[in-house]
Amino acid sequence: MTTQPFEWIPGSGQDKSALARLRLAFARPRSPMGEAWFMGEKRRMFTELMGDLAALPTDDLIKPLVEIATGTGSFGPRSEWSDWFHYLLGRLIPLSRSDEYLLENLITAFMSQYPDGLAREPYRGFRADVLNTLGRTMMDPACWAGDRIVVGRLLQRCVWPNGLWHWFDASRDITTSAFFCLKYLSAEEIAPWTRSALAIPCPHWRAQMLVWMVGAHGVLSGEVRQPTQFDDIQPRIRWDWSHCLDGARFTDGPARDAFFPLENCRQMLGAVTATMTEDKILDWLASFAEYDYLEAELGDLPSRFCELYLPND
């Protein structure tokens, strides 16, 4: 258990001591990692990982993470992939702060290695260390100006060619980070974390939280049990390779029935409904009106949120 409540506080970022422990705990394997393909004459080996990871293009870092996740789901756990994942984890977490694609694939690979939670830690304190590093990536100081995000560094990061920011879909970074916390926090930690996320006053942040909560309502209510069901959900809450995360493929444990702990889902649903009163929603709506494009792109999503989360009189 963490000694203090786990909260999302703008600017708090990744804990340097926790990151140092992650790096110290896992040395680089002696042999290169191989791809998740055993049927060809020659198996690709990721020899580039034996060098300076920070000097590699992002695609060269994402590919082995995809192999770890899909390989584990297809062929079961292998020490080769586990050893390499743990070595990469502490070294890629800092790089994920500036690349949402790296962040989402790092979290996908993490979930493939720990489908049933973190009760069995590779070292004492591992759970707290990953929560205080990977779980706090969204709060990196470079992404915030006070309590407002720096648009372009977090959430929807650019205008698409069609002239839209796509604020009507949940961004990859908020989606993966929220689901990561939902999965690995304890039930007792869920409500304080949820309240902290809902307390951030930034209109753009609020908009993305609202969109994510509309899309994730089926998960929080227990109707949607696996990320493999995310592809058809609108607004979008899927992320890169989330479709490969089916608990039945990874484990015979609790994630086989529900990938995200049902008690955690109940705790978050209760915290949202208790926090998001009618007055709170009106305050959020007023903040959306500060940005014409934000209010326009959200469309009827605030109304859908109210239908899902506000109690009926």
C-alpha atoms as a PDB file:
ATOM      1  CA  MET A   1       0.000   0.000   0.000  1.00  0.00           C
ATOM      2  CA  THR A   2       1.166   3.507  -0.728  1.00  0.00           C
ATOM      3  CA  THR A   3       1.609   5.708   2.348  1.00  0.00           C
ATOM      4  CA  GLN A   4      -0.235   8.626   0.749  1.00  0.00           C
ATOM      5  CA  PRO A   5      -3.337   8.633  -1.480  1.00  0.00           C
ATOM      6  CA  PHE A   6      -2.546   8.155  -5.136  1.00  0.00           C
ATOM      7  CA  GLU A   7      -3.735  11.304  -6.873  1.00  0.00           C
ATOM      8  CA  TRP A   8      -3.409  13.014 -10.217  1.00  0.00           C
ATOM      9  CA  ILE A   9      -2.017  16.480  -9.484  1.00  0.00           C
ATOM     10  CA  PRO A  10      -0.905  18.647 -12.437  1.00  0.00           C
ATOM     11  CA  GLY A  11       2.864  19.040 -12.450  1.00  0.00           C
ATOM     12  CA  SER A  12       3.573  16.196 -10.017  1.00  0.00           C
ATOM     13  CA  GLY A  13       4.896  13.925 -12.756  1.00  0.00           C
ATOM     14  CA  GLN A  14       6.960  10.776 -12.429  1.00  0.00           C
ATOM     15  CA  ASP A  15       8.760  10.060  -9.178  1.00  0.00           C
ATOM     16  CA  LYS A  16      12.511  10.024  -9.838  1.00  0.00           C
ATOM     17  CA  SER A  17      13.341   7.729  -6.928  1.00  0.00           C
ATOM     18  CA  ALA A  18      10.761   5.187  -8.056  1.00  0.00           C
ATOM     19  CA  LEU A  19      12.117   5.346 -11.605  1.00  0.00           C
ATOM     20  CA  ALA A  20      15.654   4.768 -10.341  1.00  0.00           C
ATOM     21  CA  ARG A  21      14.515   1.670  -8.420  1.00  0.00           C
ATOM     22  CA  LEU A  22      12.823   0.270 -11.533  1.00  0.00           C
ATOM     23  CA  ARG A  23      16.002   0.691 -13.532  1.00  0.00           C
ATOM     24  CA  LEU A  24      18.240  -0.753 -10.825  1.00  0.00           C
ATOM     25  CA  ALA A  25      16.057  -3.821 -10.317  1.00  0.00           C
ATOM     26  CA  PHE A  26      16.189  -5.076 -13.924  1.00  0.00           C
ATOM     27  CA  ALA A  27      19.456  -5.490 -15.799  1.00  0.00           C
ATOM     28  CA  ARG A  28      19.666  -5.823 -19.552  1.00  0.00           C
ATOM     29  CA  PRO A  29      19.372  -9.468 -20.649  1.00  0.00           C
ATOM     30  CA  ARG A  30      22.500 -10.974 -22.153  1.00  0.00           C
ATOM     31  CA  SER A  31      20.805 -12.158 -25.345  1.00  0.00           C
ATOM     32  CA  PRO A  32      18.711 -10.069 -27.756  1.00  0.00           C
ATOM     33  CA  MET A  33      14.945 -10.381 -27.698  1.00  0.00           C
ATOM     34  CA  GLY A  34      13.259 -12.250 -30.529  1.00  0.00           C
ATOM     35  CA  GLU A  35       9.985 -11.589 -32.294  1.00  0.00           C
ATOM     36  CA  ALA A  36       6.806 -13.523 -31.562  1.00  0.00           C
ATOM     37  CA  TRP A  37       7.124 -15.634 -34.701  1.00  0.00           C
ATOM     38  CA  PHE A  38       8.500 -19.155 -34.653  1.00  0.00           C
ATOM     39  CA  MET A  39       7.330 -20.575 -37.977  1.00  0.00           C
ATOM     40  CA  GLY A  40       9.783 -18.943 -40.367  1.00  0.00           C
ATOM     41  CA  GLU A  41      13.272 -20.058 -41.262  1.00  0.00           C
ATOM     42  CA  LYS A  42      14.800 -17.076 -39.524  1.00  0.00           C
ATOM     43  CA  ARG A  43      13.452 -15.323 -36.454  1.00  0.00           C
ATOM     44  CA  ARG A  44      13.998 -11.602 -36.202  1.00  0.00           C
ATOM     45  CA  MET A  45      16.112 -10.570 -33.216  1.00  0.00           C
ATOM     46  CA  PHE A  46      15.879  -7.022 -31.858  1.00  0.00           C
ATOM     47  CA  THR A  47      19.618  -6.478 -31.615  1.00  0.00           C
ATOM     48  CA  GLU A  48      19.124  -2.702 -31.633  1.00  0.00           C
ATOM     49  CA  LEU A  49      17.832  -2.947 -28.054  1.00  0.00           C
ATOM     50  CA  MET A  50      21.334  -3.895 -26.911  1.00  0.00           C
ATOM     51  CA  GLY A  51      22.454  -0.297 -27.523  1.00  0.00           C
ATOM     52  CA  ASP A  52      21.332   3.186 -26.497  1.00  0.00           C
ATOM     53  CA  LEU A  53      17.541   3.081 -26.337  1.00  0.00           C
ATOM     54  CA  ALA A  54      17.197   6.858 -26.245  1.00  0.00           C
ATOM     55  CA  ALA A  55      18.906   7.071 -29.646  1.00  0.00           C
ATOM     56  CA  LEU A  56      16.399   4.753 -31.350  1.00  0.00           C
ATOM     57  CA  PRO A  57      13.411   5.981 -33.374  1.00  0.00           C
ATOM     58  CA  THR A  58      10.112   5.553 -31.548  1.00  0.00           C
ATOM     59  CA  ASP A  59       8.976   2.853 -33.981  1.00  0.00           C
ATOM     60  CA  ASP A  60      11.991   0.736 -33.004  1.00  0.00           C
ATOM     61  CA  LEU A  61      10.862   0.941 -29.376  1.00  0.00           C
ATOM     62  CA  ILE A  62       7.193   0.245 -30.078  1.00  0.00           C
ATOM     63  CA  LYS A  63       7.765  -2.886 -32.201  1.00  0.00           C
ATOM     64  CA  PRO A  64       9.278  -5.014 -29.414  1.00  0.00           C
ATOM     65  CA  LEU A  65       6.506  -3.913 -27.042  1.00  0.00           C
ATOM     66  CA  VAL A  66       3.930  -5.136 -29.555  1.00  0.00           C
ATOM     67  CA  GLU A  67       5.785  -8.438 -29.862  1.00  0.00           C
ATOM     68  CA  ILE A  68       5.808  -8.836 -26.074  1.00  0.00           C
ATOM     69  CA  ALA A  69       2.069  -8.224 -25.788  1.00  0.00           C
ATOM     70  CA  THR A  70       0.904 -10.227 -28.789  1.00  0.00           C
ATOM     71  CA  GLY A  71       3.433 -12.986 -28.254  1.00  0.00           C
ATOM     72  CA  THR A  72       2.397 -13.502 -24.644  1.00  0.00           C
ATOM     73  CA  GLY A  73      -1.257 -13.586 -25.648  1.00  0.00           C
ATOM     74  CA  SER A  74      -0.633 -16.062 -28.450  1.00  0.00           C
ATOM     75  CA  PHE A  75       2.005 -18.375 -26.955  1.00  0.00           C
ATOM     76  CA  GLY A  76       1.834 -17.760 -23.225  1.00  0.00           C
ATOM     77  CA  PRO A  77       4.412 -16.252 -20.859  1.00  0.00           C
ATOM     78  CA  ARG A  78       8.074 -16.606 -21.809  1.00  0.00           C
ATOM     79  CA  SER A  79      10.996 -15.516 -19.654  1.00  0.00           C
ATOM     80  CA  GLU A  80      12.622 -13.978 -22.741  1.00  0.00           C
ATOM     81  CA  TRP A  81       9.794 -11.467 -23.167  1.00  0.00           C
ATOM     82  CA  SER A  82       9.308 -10.951 -19.441  1.00  0.00           C
ATOM     83  CA  ASP A  83      13.002 -10.220 -18.842  1.00  0.00           C
ATOM     84  CA  TRP A  84      13.184  -7.796 -21.733  1.00  0.00           C
ATOM     85  CA  PHE A  85       9.953  -6.065 -20.781  1.00  0.00           C
ATOM     86  CA  HIS A  86      11.126  -5.379 -17.248  1.00  0.00           C
ATOM     87  CA  TYR A  87      14.445  -4.058 -18.532  1.00  0.00           C
ATOM     88  CA  LEU A  88      12.692  -1.783 -21.021  1.00  0.00           C
ATOM     89  CA  LEU A  89      10.062  -0.576 -18.549  1.00  0.00           C
ATOM     90  CA  GLY A  90      12.175   1.767 -16.443  1.00  0.00           C
ATOM     91  CA  ARG A  91      14.050   3.045 -19.479  1.00  0.00           C
ATOM     92  CA  LEU A  92      11.027   3.757 -21.676  1.00  0.00           C
ATOM     93  CA  ILE A  93       8.803   5.363 -19.034  1.00  0.00           C
ATOM     94  CA  PRO A  94      10.638   8.743 -19.272  1.00  0.00           C
ATOM     95  CA  LEU A  95      10.469   8.629 -23.076  1.00  0.00           C
ATOM     96  CA  SER A  96       6.716   7.951 -22.981  1.00  0.00           C
ATOM     97  CA  ARG A  97       6.055  11.407 -21.529  1.00  0.00           C
ATOM     98  CA  SER A  98       6.344  12.986 -24.952  1.00  0.00           C
ATOM     99  CA  ASP A  99       4.898  10.237 -27.165  1.00  0.00           C
ATOM    100  CA  GLU A 100       1.363   8.942 -26.676  1.00  0.00           C
ATOM    101  CA  TYR A 101       1.942   5.963 -29.009  1.00  0.00           C
ATOM    102  CA  LEU A 102       4.885   4.787 -26.928  1.00  0.00           C
ATOM    103  CA  LEU A 103       2.860   5.298 -23.748  1.00  0.00           C
ATOM    104  CA  GLU A 104      -0.104   3.238 -24.935  1.00  0.00           C
ATOM    105  CA  ASN A 105       2.062   0.377 -26.204  1.00  0.00           C
ATOM    106  CA  LEU A 106       4.074   0.366 -22.997  1.00  0.00           C
ATOM    107  CA  ILE A 107       0.841   0.041 -21.020  1.00  0.00           C
ATOM    108  CA  THR A 108      -0.479  -2.684 -23.357  1.00  0.00           C
ATOM    109  CA  ALA A 109       2.716  -4.673 -22.849  1.00  0.00           C
ATOM    110  CA  PHE A 110       2.529  -4.095 -19.089  1.00  0.00           C
ATOM    111  CA  MET A 111      -1.022  -5.444 -18.960  1.00  0.00           C
ATOM    112  CA  SER A 112       0.049  -8.513 -20.932  1.00  0.00           C
ATOM    113  CA  GLN A 113       2.636  -9.299 -18.260  1.00  0.00           C
ATOM    114  CA  TYR A 114       0.348  -8.542 -15.308  1.00  0.00           C
ATOM    115  CA  PRO A 115      -3.182  -9.484 -16.383  1.00  0.00           C
ATOM    116  CA  ASP A 116      -4.317 -10.334 -12.838  1.00  0.00           C
ATOM    117  CA  GLY A 117      -2.900  -7.340 -10.991  1.00  0.00           C
ATOM    118  CA  LEU A 118       0.264  -6.812  -8.984  1.00  0.00           C
ATOM    119  CA  ALA A 119      -0.172  -9.032  -5.938  1.00  0.00           C
ATOM    120  CA  ARG A 120       3.010 -10.871  -6.974  1.00  0.00           C
ATOM    121  CA  GLU A 121       5.687  -8.195  -7.233  1.00  0.00           C
ATOM    122  CA  PRO A 122       9.121  -8.860  -8.735  1.00  0.00           C
ATOM    123  CA  TYR A 123      10.448  -6.805  -5.817  1.00  0.00           C
ATOM    124  CA  ARG A 124       8.806  -5.294  -2.772  1.00  0.00           C
ATOM    125  CA  GLY A 125       7.383  -1.895  -3.689  1.00  0.00           C
ATOM    126  CA  PHE A 126       7.179  -2.576  -7.433  1.00  0.00           C
ATOM    127  CA  ARG A 127       3.461  -1.752  -7.579  1.00  0.00           C
ATOM    128  CA  ALA A 128       3.956   1.629  -5.927  1.00  0.00           C
ATOM    129  CA  ASP A 129       6.914   2.385  -8.189  1.00  0.00           C
ATOM    130  CA  VAL A 130       5.050   1.704 -11.434  1.00  0.00           C
ATOM    131  CA  LEU A 131       2.019   3.679 -10.239  1.00  0.00           C
ATOM    132  CA  ASN A 132       4.215   6.619  -9.272  1.00  0.00           C
ATOM    133  CA  THR A 133       6.020   6.612 -12.618  1.00  0.00           C
ATOM    134  CA  LEU A 134       3.977   5.108 -15.452  1.00  0.00           C
ATOM    135  CA  GLY A 135       0.744   5.957 -13.645  1.00  0.00           C
ATOM    136  CA  ARG A 136       1.691   9.639 -13.289  1.00  0.00           C
ATOM    137  CA  THR A 137       2.929  10.263 -16.836  1.00  0.00           C
ATOM    138  CA  MET A 138      -0.097  12.449 -17.559  1.00  0.00           C
ATOM    139  CA  MET A 139       0.947  14.835 -14.802  1.00  0.00           C
ATOM    140  CA  ASP A 140       4.391  15.639 -16.220  1.00  0.00           C
ATOM    141  CA  PRO A 141       5.315  19.305 -15.517  1.00  0.00           C
ATOM    142  CA  ALA A 142       6.142  19.953 -19.177  1.00  0.00           C
ATOM    143  CA  CYS A 143       2.505  19.213 -20.082  1.00  0.00           C
ATOM    144  CA  TRP A 144       0.965  21.701 -17.664  1.00  0.00           C
ATOM    145  CA  ALA A 145       0.921  25.468 -17.139  1.00  0.00           C
ATOM    146  CA  GLY A 146      -0.376  25.670 -13.615  1.00  0.00           C
ATOM    147  CA  ASP A 147      -3.604  23.674 -13.561  1.00  0.00           C
ATOM    148  CA  ARG A 148      -4.190  23.852 -17.336  1.00  0.00           C
ATOM    149  CA  ILE A 149      -2.736  21.551 -19.952  1.00  0.00           C
ATOM    150  CA  VAL A 150      -0.343  22.885 -22.551  1.00  0.00           C
ATOM    151  CA  VAL A 151      -2.422  22.240 -25.664  1.00  0.00           C
ATOM    152  CA  GLY A 152      -0.283  20.329 -28.130  1.00  0.00           C
ATOM    153  CA  ARG A 153       1.654  18.416 -25.480  1.00  0.00           C
ATOM    154  CA  LEU A 154      -1.155  16.441 -23.885  1.00  0.00           C
ATOM    155  CA  LEU A 155      -4.513  14.978 -24.917  1.00  0.00           C
ATOM    156  CA  GLN A 156      -5.533  15.852 -28.490  1.00  0.00           C
ATOM    157  CA  ARG A 157      -2.248  17.262 -29.755  1.00  0.00           C
ATOM    158  CA  CYS A 158      -3.007  18.755 -33.165  1.00  0.00           C
ATOM    159  CA  VAL A 159      -5.724  19.845 -35.549  1.00  0.00           C
ATOM    160  CA  TRP A 160      -6.530  17.132 -38.094  1.00  0.00           C
ATOM    161  CA  PRO A 161      -6.656  17.905 -41.841  1.00  0.00           C
ATOM    162  CA  ASN A 162     -10.451  18.088 -41.575  1.00  0.00           C
ATOM    163  CA  GLY A 163     -10.069  21.040 -39.199  1.00  0.00           C
ATOM    164  CA  LEU A 164     -11.135  19.125 -36.071  1.00  0.00           C
ATOM    165  CA  TRP A 165      -9.205  18.443 -32.871  1.00  0.00           C
ATOM    166  CA  HIS A 166     -11.294  15.321 -32.177  1.00  0.00           C
ATOM    167  CA  TRP A 167     -12.173  16.362 -28.632  1.00  0.00           C
ATOM    168  CA  PHE A 168     -15.230  14.115 -29.085  1.00  0.00           C
ATOM    169  CA  ASP A 169     -13.002  11.027 -28.703  1.00  0.00           C
ATOM    170  CA  ALA A 170     -10.873  10.151 -25.697  1.00  0.00           C
ATOM    171  CA  SER A 171      -7.205  10.703 -26.471  1.00  0.00           C
ATOM    172  CA  ARG A 172      -4.830   7.763 -26.301  1.00  0.00           C
ATOM    173  CA  ASP A 173      -2.887   9.079 -23.326  1.00  0.00           C
ATOM    174  CA  ILE A 174      -5.873   9.710 -21.069  1.00  0.00           C
ATOM    175  CA  THR A 175      -7.486   6.414 -22.123  1.00  0.00           C
ATOM    176  CA  THR A 176      -4.493   4.208 -21.392  1.00  0.00           C
ATOM    177  CA  SER A 177      -3.527   6.072 -18.233  1.00  0.00           C
ATOM    178  CA  ALA A 178      -7.040   5.970 -16.774  1.00  0.00           C
ATOM    179  CA  PHE A 179      -7.442   2.270 -17.506  1.00  0.00           C
ATOM    180  CA  PHE A 180      -3.970   1.577 -16.099  1.00  0.00           C
ATOM    181  CA  CYS A 181      -4.946   3.186 -12.787  1.00  0.00           C
ATOM    182  CA  LEU A 182      -8.363   1.517 -12.805  1.00  0.00           C
ATOM    183  CA  LYS A 183      -6.665  -1.869 -13.136  1.00  0.00           C
ATOM    184  CA  TYR A 184      -3.745  -1.572 -10.727  1.00  0.00           C
ATOM    185  CA  LEU A 185      -4.896   0.705  -7.918  1.00  0.00           C
ATOM    186  CA  SER A 186      -6.429  -1.031  -4.925  1.00  0.00           C
ATOM    187  CA  ALA A 187     -10.173  -0.659  -4.379  1.00  0.00           C
ATOM    188  CA  GLU A 188      -9.491   1.735  -1.488  1.00  0.00           C
ATOM    189  CA  GLU A 189      -7.329   3.945  -3.692  1.00  0.00           C
ATOM    190  CA  ILE A 190      -9.855   4.357  -6.506  1.00  0.00           C
ATOM    191  CA  ALA A 191     -12.141   7.021  -4.988  1.00  0.00           C
ATOM    192  CA  PRO A 192      -9.346   9.453  -3.948  1.00  0.00           C
ATOM    193  CA  TRP A 193      -7.719   9.104  -7.363  1.00  0.00           C
ATOM    194  CA  THR A 194     -11.046   9.652  -9.129  1.00  0.00           C
ATOM    195  CA  ARG A 195     -11.825  12.750  -7.070  1.00  0.00           C
ATOM    196  CA  SER A 196      -8.383  14.184  -7.795  1.00  0.00           C
ATOM    197  CA  ALA A 197      -8.854  13.683 -11.550  1.00  0.00           C
ATOM    198  CA  LEU A 198     -12.273  15.350 -11.458  1.00  0.00           C
ATOM    199  CA  ALA A 199     -10.943  18.274  -9.403  1.00  0.00           C
ATOM    200  CA  ILE A 200      -8.565  19.496 -12.147  1.00  0.00           C
ATOM    201  CA  PRO A 201     -10.236  22.695 -13.459  1.00  0.00           C
ATOM    202  CA  CYS A 202      -8.741  22.796 -16.971  1.00  0.00           C
ATOM    203  CA  PRO A 203     -11.572  22.885 -19.575  1.00  0.00           C
ATOM    204  CA  HIS A 204      -9.677  20.655 -22.022  1.00  0.00           C
ATOM    205  CA  TRP A 205      -8.926  18.133 -19.278  1.00  0.00           C
ATOM    206  CA  ARG A 206     -12.526  18.172 -18.106  1.00  0.00           C
ATOM    207  CA  ALA A 207     -13.731  17.632 -21.661  1.00  0.00           C
ATOM    208  CA  GLN A 208     -11.536  14.560 -22.082  1.00  0.00           C
ATOM    209  CA  MET A 209     -12.487  13.149 -18.687  1.00  0.00           C
ATOM    210  CA  LEU A 210     -16.152  13.563 -19.599  1.00  0.00           C
ATOM    211  CA  VAL A 211     -15.662  11.865 -22.970  1.00  0.00           C
ATOM    212  CA  TRP A 212     -13.701   8.998 -21.410  1.00  0.00           C
ATOM    213  CA  MET A 213     -16.333   8.500 -18.711  1.00  0.00           C
ATOM    214  CA  VAL A 214     -19.122   8.339 -21.300  1.00  0.00           C
ATOM    215  CA  GLY A 215     -17.184   5.760 -23.314  1.00  0.00           C
ATOM    216  CA  ALA A 216     -16.081   3.796 -20.236  1.00  0.00           C
ATOM    217  CA  HIS A 217     -19.498   3.658 -18.553  1.00  0.00           C
ATOM    218  CA  GLY A 218     -20.058   0.107 -19.764  1.00  0.00           C
ATOM    219  CA  VAL A 219     -16.781  -0.939 -18.134  1.00  0.00           C
ATOM    220  CA  LEU A 220     -17.566   0.816 -14.858  1.00  0.00           C
ATOM    221  CA  SER A 221     -21.065  -0.688 -14.761  1.00  0.00           C
ATOM    222  CA  GLY A 222     -19.690  -4.193 -15.409  1.00  0.00           C
ATOM    223  CA  GLU A 223     -21.439  -4.664 -18.751  1.00  0.00           C
ATOM    224  CA  VAL A 224     -18.176  -4.528 -20.748  1.00  0.00           C
ATOM    225  CA  ARG A 225     -15.635  -6.981 -19.354  1.00  0.00           C
ATOM    226  CA  GLN A 226     -12.720  -7.076 -21.814  1.00  0.00           C
ATOM    227  CA  PRO A 227     -10.740  -4.548 -23.912  1.00  0.00           C
ATOM    228  CA  THR A 228     -11.497  -6.745 -26.930  1.00  0.00           C
ATOM    229  CA  GLN A 229     -15.006  -5.265 -26.743  1.00  0.00           C
ATOM    230  CA  PHE A 230     -13.792  -1.666 -27.049  1.00  0.00           C
ATOM    231  CA  ASP A 231     -13.634  -1.438 -30.846  1.00  0.00           C
ATOM    232  CA  ASP A 232     -17.346  -0.762 -31.276  1.00  0.00           C
ATOM    233  CA  ILE A 233     -17.685   1.734 -28.417  1.00  0.00           C
ATOM    234  CA  GLN A 234     -18.325   5.399 -29.140  1.00  0.00           C
ATOM    235  CA  PRO A 235     -16.873   7.765 -28.084  1.00  0.00           C
ATOM    236  CA  ARG A 236     -13.607   5.979 -28.697  1.00  0.00           C
ATOM    237  CA  ILE A 237     -11.826   4.480 -25.689  1.00  0.00           C
ATOM    238  CA  ARG A 238      -9.692   1.907 -27.509  1.00  0.00           C
ATOM    239  CA  TRP A 239      -5.955   2.248 -27.947  1.00  0.00           C
ATOM    240  CA  ASP A 240      -3.153   0.595 -29.898  1.00  0.00           C
ATOM    241  CA  TRP A 241      -3.410  -3.202 -29.565  1.00  0.00           C
ATOM    242  CA  SER A 242      -6.062  -3.010 -26.848  1.00  0.00           C
ATOM    243  CA  HIS A 243      -7.959  -5.541 -28.973  1.00  0.00           C
ATOM    244  CA  CYS A 244      -5.364  -8.185 -28.092  1.00  0.00           C
ATOM    245  CA  LEU A 245      -6.030  -7.850 -24.341  1.00  0.00           C
ATOM    246  CA  ASP A 246      -8.523 -10.610 -23.736  1.00  0.00           C
ATOM    247  CA  GLY A 247      -8.230 -12.049 -20.222  1.00  0.00           C
ATOM    248  CA  ALA A 248      -9.128 -15.512 -21.509  1.00  0.00           C
ATOM    249  CA  ARG A 249      -5.962 -15.496 -23.633  1.00  0.00           C
ATOM    250  CA  PHE A 250      -3.632 -14.410 -20.860  1.00  0.00           C
ATOM    251  CA  THR A 251      -4.736 -16.067 -17.646  1.00  0.00           C
ATOM    252  CA  ASP A 252      -7.006 -18.437 -15.768  1.00  0.00           C
ATOM    253  CA  GLY A 253      -7.254 -15.839 -12.990  1.00  0.00           C
ATOM    254  CA  PRO A 254      -9.723 -13.002 -12.286  1.00  0.00           C
ATOM    255  CA  ALA A 255      -8.962 -11.130 -15.530  1.00  0.00           C
ATOM    256  CA  ARG A 256     -10.446 -14.046 -17.456  1.00  0.00           C
ATOM    257  CA  ASP A 257     -13.881 -12.921 -16.274  1.00  0.00           C
ATOM    258  CA  ALA A 258     -13.267  -9.179 -15.957  1.00  0.00           C
ATOM    259  CA  PHE A 259     -10.043  -7.542 -17.131  1.00  0.00           C
ATOM    260  CA  PHE A 260     -10.607  -4.557 -14.836  1.00  0.00           C
ATOM    261  CA  PRO A 261     -11.424  -5.520 -11.223  1.00  0.00           C
ATOM    262  CA  LEU A 262     -15.163  -5.244 -10.734  1.00  0.00           C
ATOM    263  CA  GLU A 263     -14.803  -3.743  -7.266  1.00  0.00           C
ATOM    264  CA  ASN A 264     -12.518  -1.043  -8.681  1.00  0.00           C
ATOM    265  CA  CYS A 265     -15.114  -0.332 -11.345  1.00  0.00           C
ATOM    266  CA  ARG A 266     -17.849  -0.059  -8.724  1.00  0.00           C
ATOM    267  CA  GLN A 267     -15.721   2.265  -6.605  1.00  0.00           C
ATOM    268  CA  MET A 268     -15.015   4.576  -9.535  1.00  0.00           C
ATOM    269  CA  LEU A 269     -18.629   4.618 -10.664  1.00  0.00           C
ATOM    270  CA  GLY A 270     -19.683   5.555  -7.120  1.00  0.00           C
ATOM    271  CA  ALA A 271     -17.030   8.268  -6.856  1.00  0.00           C
ATOM    272  CA  VAL A 272     -18.073   9.827 -10.174  1.00  0.00           C
ATOM    273  CA  THR A 273     -21.780   9.869  -9.343  1.00  0.00           C
ATOM    274  CA  ALA A 274     -21.078  11.301  -5.885  1.00  0.00           C
ATOM    275  CA  THR A 275     -18.773  14.035  -7.228  1.00  0.00           C
ATOM    276  CA  MET A 276     -20.472  15.104 -10.442  1.00  0.00           C
ATOM    277  CA  THR A 277     -23.506  16.883  -9.064  1.00  0.00           C
ATOM    278  CA  GLU A 278     -25.746  19.064 -11.221  1.00  0.00           C
ATOM    279  CA  ASP A 279     -23.913  22.185 -10.004  1.00  0.00           C
ATOM    280  CA  LYS A 280     -20.579  20.588 -10.867  1.00  0.00           C
ATOM    281  CA  ILE A 281     -21.766  19.730 -14.368  1.00  0.00           C
ATOM    282  CA  LEU A 282     -22.983  23.306 -14.897  1.00  0.00           C
ATOM    283  CA  ASP A 283     -19.550  24.556 -13.867  1.00  0.00           C
ATOM    284  CA  TRP A 284     -17.922  22.202 -16.374  1.00  0.00           C
ATOM    285  CA  LEU A 285     -20.272  23.337 -19.150  1.00  0.00           C
ATOM    286  CA  ALA A 286     -19.428  26.969 -18.457  1.00  0.00           C
ATOM    287  CA  SER A 287     -15.729  26.186 -18.738  1.00  0.00           C
ATOM    288  CA  PHE A 288     -16.234  24.406 -22.092  1.00  0.00           C
ATOM    289  CA  ALA A 289     -17.812  27.605 -23.428  1.00  0.00           C
ATOM    290  CA  GLU A 290     -14.410  29.340 -23.114  1.00  0.00           C
ATOM    291  CA  TYR A 291     -13.397  27.574 -26.342  1.00  0.00           C
ATOM    292  CA  ASP A 292     -15.811  27.548 -29.276  1.00  0.00           C
ATOM    293  CA  TYR A 293     -14.192  24.492 -30.875  1.00  0.00           C
ATOM    294  CA  LEU A 294     -14.318  22.546 -27.618  1.00  0.00           C
ATOM    295  CA  GLU A 295     -17.985  23.219 -27.028  1.00  0.00           C
ATOM    296  CA  ALA A 296     -18.845  22.481 -30.673  1.00  0.00           C
ATOM    297  CA  GLU A 297     -16.946  19.199 -30.872  1.00  0.00           C
ATOM    298  CA  LEU A 298     -18.398  17.841 -27.641  1.00  0.00           C
ATOM    299  CA  GLY A 299     -21.879  18.109 -29.129  1.00  0.00           C
ATOM    300  CA  ASP A 300     -24.354  16.011 -27.149  1.00  0.00           C
ATOM    301  CA  LEU A 301     -21.730  14.209 -25.050  1.00  0.00           C
ATOM    302  CA  PRO A 302     -22.423  16.336 -21.927  1.00  0.00           C
ATOM    303  CA  SER A 303     -26.094  15.352 -22.196  1.00  0.00           C
ATOM    304  CA  ARG A 304     -25.127  11.705 -22.559  1.00  0.00           C
ATOM    305  CA  PHE A 305     -22.909  12.021 -19.491  1.00  0.00           C
ATOM    306  CA  CYS A 306     -25.815  13.405 -17.463  1.00  0.00           C
ATOM    307  CA  GLU A 307     -28.070  10.559 -18.584  1.00  0.00           C
ATOM    308  CA  LEU A 308     -25.481   8.010 -17.484  1.00  0.00           C
ATOM    309  CA  TYR A 309     -24.177   9.474 -14.250  1.00  0.00           C
ATOM    310  CA  LEU A 310     -26.690  11.889 -12.760  1.00  0.00           C
ATOM    311  CA  PRO A 311     -29.381  10.189 -10.647  1.00  0.00           C
ATOM    312  CA  ASN A 312     -32.909  10.435 -11.966  1.00  0.00           C
ATOM    313  CA  ASP A 313     -35.359  12.384  -9.809  1.00  0.00           C
END
